[in-house]
Protein backbone atom coordinates (compact mmCIF):
# COMPACT_ATOMS: atom_id res chain seq x y z
CA MET A 1 -0.61 -23.70 -20.40
CA SER A 2 -0.07 -25.20 -16.98
CA GLU A 3 -1.65 -23.37 -14.05
CA ALA A 4 1.39 -24.17 -11.92
CA SER A 5 3.77 -21.85 -13.73
CA LEU A 6 2.79 -18.77 -15.69
CA GLN A 7 5.53 -17.20 -17.83
CA ILE A 8 5.12 -13.53 -18.69
CA THR A 9 6.32 -12.67 -22.19
CA HIS A 10 7.31 -9.24 -23.39
CA ARG A 11 5.16 -8.33 -26.38
CA PRO A 12 4.54 -5.09 -28.22
CA ASP A 13 1.58 -3.08 -26.92
CA ARG A 14 -1.00 -2.70 -29.67
CA ASP A 15 -3.86 -1.28 -27.60
CA GLY A 16 -2.26 1.82 -26.10
CA GLY A 17 -2.09 0.35 -22.61
CA ALA A 18 0.85 0.12 -20.25
CA ALA A 19 3.94 -1.63 -21.56
CA ALA A 20 4.58 -5.17 -20.33
CA PRO A 21 6.93 -5.50 -17.36
CA PRO A 22 10.09 -7.61 -17.83
CA PRO A 23 9.50 -11.37 -18.10
CA ARG A 24 9.50 -13.36 -14.89
CA PRO A 25 7.91 -16.65 -13.79
CA LEU A 26 4.97 -16.64 -11.43
CA ASN A 27 3.94 -19.66 -9.36
CA HIS A 28 0.55 -19.55 -7.66
CA ALA A 29 -2.49 -21.79 -7.37
CA THR A 30 -4.55 -20.67 -10.36
CA LEU A 31 -4.08 -18.57 -13.47
CA ALA A 32 -6.54 -15.94 -12.22
CA GLU A 33 -4.65 -15.71 -8.92
CA GLN A 34 -1.33 -15.43 -10.75
CA VAL A 35 -2.61 -12.64 -12.95
CA TYR A 36 -4.19 -10.86 -9.98
CA GLN A 37 -1.00 -10.99 -7.89
CA HIS A 38 1.18 -9.88 -10.78
CA LEU A 39 -0.99 -6.91 -11.74
CA ARG A 40 -1.46 -5.91 -8.11
CA GLN A 41 2.29 -5.87 -7.52
CA GLN A 42 2.92 -3.87 -10.68
CA ILE A 43 0.22 -1.31 -9.83
CA LEU A 44 1.55 -0.85 -6.28
CA ALA A 45 5.05 -0.38 -7.70
CA ASN A 46 3.69 2.22 -10.16
CA ALA A 47 4.84 0.11 -13.11
CA TYR A 48 1.26 0.71 -14.22
CA PRO A 49 0.74 4.34 -13.11
CA PRO A 50 -2.59 5.96 -12.21
CA HIS A 51 -4.96 6.31 -15.20
CA ALA A 52 -3.02 3.76 -17.28
CA ALA A 53 -5.21 1.59 -19.49
CA LEU A 54 -5.25 -2.14 -18.78
CA PRO A 55 -6.70 -3.73 -21.94
CA GLU A 56 -7.75 -7.35 -21.45
CA LYS A 57 -6.50 -8.43 -24.87
CA THR A 58 -3.06 -6.87 -24.43
CA LEU A 59 -2.60 -8.23 -20.91
CA ALA A 60 -3.72 -11.71 -21.98
CA SER A 61 -1.15 -11.63 -24.78
CA GLN A 62 1.61 -10.37 -22.50
CA LEU A 63 0.86 -13.01 -19.87
CA ASN A 64 0.26 -15.88 -22.29
CA VAL A 65 -3.22 -16.63 -20.94
CA SER A 66 -6.78 -16.32 -22.17
CA ARG A 67 -8.82 -13.21 -21.41
CA VAL A 68 -10.92 -15.01 -18.77
CA PRO A 69 -8.33 -15.01 -15.93
CA VAL A 70 -7.38 -11.44 -16.86
CA ARG A 71 -11.02 -10.37 -16.58
CA GLU A 72 -11.36 -12.11 -13.21
CA ALA A 73 -8.19 -10.46 -11.95
CA LEU A 74 -9.30 -7.01 -13.07
CA HIS A 75 -12.61 -7.41 -11.26
CA ARG A 76 -10.77 -8.38 -8.06
CA LEU A 77 -8.49 -5.37 -8.41
CA ALA A 78 -11.55 -3.17 -8.91
CA ALA A 79 -12.98 -4.55 -5.66
CA ASP A 80 -9.66 -3.63 -3.99
CA GLY A 81 -9.98 -0.07 -5.30
CA LEU A 82 -6.83 -0.35 -7.44
CA VAL A 83 -8.63 -0.51 -10.80
CA THR A 84 -11.60 1.39 -12.21
CA LEU A 85 -13.89 -0.40 -14.68
CA ARG A 86 -15.58 1.92 -17.17
CA PRO A 87 -18.48 0.68 -19.31
CA ARG A 88 -17.49 0.28 -22.96
CA GLN A 89 -14.01 1.66 -22.20
CA GLY A 90 -12.34 -1.07 -20.15
CA ALA A 91 -10.12 -1.10 -17.09
CA PHE A 92 -7.85 1.69 -15.88
CA VAL A 93 -5.54 2.06 -12.90
CA SER A 94 -7.34 4.02 -10.21
CA SER A 95 -6.14 7.34 -8.86
CA LEU A 96 -6.96 9.27 -5.71
CA SER A 97 -8.17 12.84 -6.04
CA PRO A 98 -7.00 15.31 -3.36
CA ARG A 99 -10.38 14.91 -1.65
CA GLN A 100 -10.15 11.10 -1.74
CA PHE A 101 -6.59 11.24 -0.41
CA LEU A 102 -7.81 13.38 2.51
CA ASP A 103 -10.70 11.01 3.17
CA ALA A 104 -8.29 8.06 3.12
CA TYR A 105 -6.07 9.76 5.72
CA ARG A 106 -9.08 10.38 7.97
CA VAL A 107 -10.07 6.72 7.86
CA ARG A 108 -6.46 5.60 8.37
CA GLU A 109 -6.14 7.82 11.43
CA SER A 110 -9.15 6.19 13.10
CA LEU A 111 -8.09 2.67 12.17
CA GLU A 112 -4.54 3.02 13.45
CA GLU A 113 -5.61 4.71 16.66
CA LEU A 114 -7.85 1.72 17.37
CA ALA A 115 -5.17 -0.74 16.25
CA ILE A 116 -2.45 0.54 18.57
CA LYS A 117 -4.80 0.49 21.58
CA LEU A 118 -5.81 -3.10 20.81
CA ALA A 119 -2.26 -4.17 20.03
CA LEU A 120 -0.39 -2.82 23.05
CA PRO A 121 -1.47 -5.54 25.53
CA ASN A 122 -0.50 -8.17 22.94
CA LEU A 123 3.00 -6.96 22.13
CA THR A 124 5.82 -9.32 23.04
CA ALA A 125 9.47 -8.55 23.72
CA ALA A 126 10.21 -9.74 20.19
CA ASP A 127 7.63 -7.28 18.82
CA LEU A 128 9.25 -4.41 20.71
CA ASP A 129 12.64 -5.43 19.36
CA GLU A 130 11.19 -5.49 15.84
CA LEU A 131 9.73 -1.99 16.25
CA SER A 132 13.12 -0.73 17.44
CA ARG A 133 14.82 -2.38 14.47
CA LEU A 134 12.35 -0.80 12.04
CA GLN A 135 12.91 2.59 13.66
CA ASP A 136 16.67 2.14 13.20
CA ASP A 137 16.06 1.12 9.58
CA MET A 138 14.02 4.27 8.95
CA ARG A 139 16.76 6.41 10.45
CA ARG A 140 19.42 4.72 8.31
CA HIS A 141 17.39 4.96 5.10
CA ALA A 142 16.62 8.62 5.74
CA ALA A 143 20.34 9.34 6.17
CA ALA A 144 20.95 7.62 2.83
CA ASP A 145 18.08 9.60 1.25
CA ASP A 146 16.43 6.32 0.23
CA ALA A 147 12.72 7.19 0.38
CA ASP A 148 11.54 3.85 -1.01
CA ALA A 149 13.37 1.84 1.65
CA PHE A 150 12.28 4.33 4.32
CA PHE A 151 8.62 3.90 3.46
CA ALA A 152 8.95 0.11 3.33
CA ALA A 153 10.18 0.14 6.93
CA ASN A 154 7.55 2.74 7.78
CA ARG A 155 4.75 0.52 6.47
CA ALA A 156 6.08 -2.45 8.44
CA PHE A 157 6.20 -0.35 11.63
CA HIS A 158 2.55 0.67 11.31
CA ALA A 159 1.42 -2.74 10.06
CA LEU A 160 2.78 -4.49 13.15
CA PHE A 161 0.22 -2.72 15.34
CA VAL A 162 -2.58 -3.66 12.97
CA GLU A 163 -1.46 -7.29 12.92
CA ARG A 164 -1.17 -7.46 16.72
CA SER A 165 -4.66 -6.01 17.12
CA TYR A 166 -5.83 -9.52 16.18
CA ASN A 167 -8.94 -7.92 14.67
CA ASP A 168 -9.72 -9.41 11.27
CA TYR A 169 -12.31 -6.76 10.42
CA LEU A 170 -9.83 -3.98 11.08
CA LYS A 171 -7.18 -5.69 8.94
CA ALA A 172 -9.65 -6.27 6.09
CA ILE A 173 -10.28 -2.52 5.87
CA TYR A 174 -6.80 -1.25 6.67
CA PHE A 175 -4.55 -3.12 4.25
CA PRO A 176 -6.55 -2.45 1.04
CA LEU A 177 -6.76 1.21 2.07
CA LEU A 178 -2.98 1.37 2.51
CA ASP A 179 -2.49 -0.27 -0.88
CA GLN A 180 -4.39 2.62 -2.46
CA MET A 181 -2.50 5.25 -0.48
CA ARG A 182 1.02 3.85 -0.89
CA ARG A 183 1.09 4.74 -4.60
CA HIS A 184 1.12 8.40 -3.53
CA ILE A 185 4.30 8.26 -1.44
CA SER A 186 5.82 11.37 -3.00
CA SER A 187 2.70 13.39 -2.22
CA SER A 188 2.67 12.13 1.36
CA LEU A 189 6.33 13.02 1.86
CA GLY A 190 5.79 16.57 0.68
CA LEU A 191 2.79 16.98 2.97
CA ARG A 192 4.64 15.54 5.96
CA GLY A 193 7.59 17.93 5.84
CA GLY A 194 10.43 15.46 5.26
CA LEU A 195 11.78 12.20 6.61
CA GLU A 196 13.50 13.59 9.72
CA ARG A 197 10.26 14.87 11.20
CA SER A 198 8.65 11.49 10.58
CA ILE A 199 11.54 9.73 12.36
CA ASP A 200 11.14 11.94 15.44
CA GLU A 201 7.39 11.22 15.51
CA HIS A 202 7.98 7.46 15.23
CA GLN A 203 10.51 7.60 18.07
CA ALA A 204 7.98 9.32 20.32
CA ILE A 205 5.36 6.66 19.46
CA LEU A 206 7.87 3.88 20.13
CA SER A 207 8.84 5.35 23.51
CA ALA A 208 5.19 5.47 24.60
CA VAL A 209 4.69 1.88 23.44
CA GLN A 210 7.78 0.73 25.34
CA ALA A 211 6.41 2.47 28.44
CA GLY A 212 3.10 0.62 28.02
CA ASP A 213 1.11 3.88 27.75
CA ALA A 214 -1.63 3.02 25.25
CA ASP A 215 -3.42 6.37 25.49
CA GLU A 216 -0.23 8.37 24.88
CA ALA A 217 0.85 6.07 22.06
CA ALA A 218 -2.57 6.46 20.42
CA ARG A 219 -2.44 10.25 20.81
CA LEU A 220 1.02 10.47 19.27
CA LEU A 221 0.08 8.13 16.43
CA ARG A 222 -3.08 10.11 15.73
CA GLU A 223 -1.07 13.34 15.58
CA HIS A 224 1.56 11.70 13.37
CA ILE A 225 -1.05 10.65 10.80
CA HIS A 226 -2.86 13.98 11.13
CA VAL A 227 0.16 16.01 9.94
CA PRO A 228 -0.36 15.41 6.18
CA GLN A 229 -4.12 15.40 6.70
CA ARG A 230 -3.93 18.92 8.15
CA ALA A 231 -1.87 20.07 5.16
CA LEU A 232 -4.51 18.69 2.79
CA GLU A 233 -7.29 20.39 4.75
CA GLU A 234 -5.45 23.72 4.56
CA ARG A 235 -5.03 23.38 0.81
CA GLY A 236 -8.76 22.98 0.32
CA PRO A 237 -10.43 21.26 -2.64
């Protein structure tokens, strides 16, 4: 099997794990990288939902590779927090408990507050145009009741500040954390109180950014992220 092109095959699941996604070619540098990227994408898309088993033998058969690159990929996903490795049981898709979800929001709040303060002096006119476009996208997707598209634009809006912080340590913590949280979109939406409220909060953040007011932008962003966090705190454990 060439490492340049991995072909996923649809095979029956004999180990009780998640069913194989539809066949599609993957083209990356190594087999382990291909397997890692494929499984990561499927987990983030909830094709492999939380708690789903990820048996090495089944995945190797589905992906037409040996178990070695599958094992390497699963260990990388475990380091990312997307997979849990249990002794003598195997690999399972990770899940966030209510307490872990709350803790993740607390960390995200601090990271994004720092990111927007660092990013503001670095934002270009093109960046401001992109933020405005993403805000318009969120408004349009909300009107169409398309939550998936809304949250894709939402993630891009927040990620731009992290990218423009030009802080590699911040990015190394932030993006894996968001990968874990993004699988709980429906929970986040219920805690936030709907898409329209989120749009209004993003508009206020954008206005402060356009005015060059880093402190006000950070305050508004902190409050925006704190809305679902407060709901989780009120629910208790």
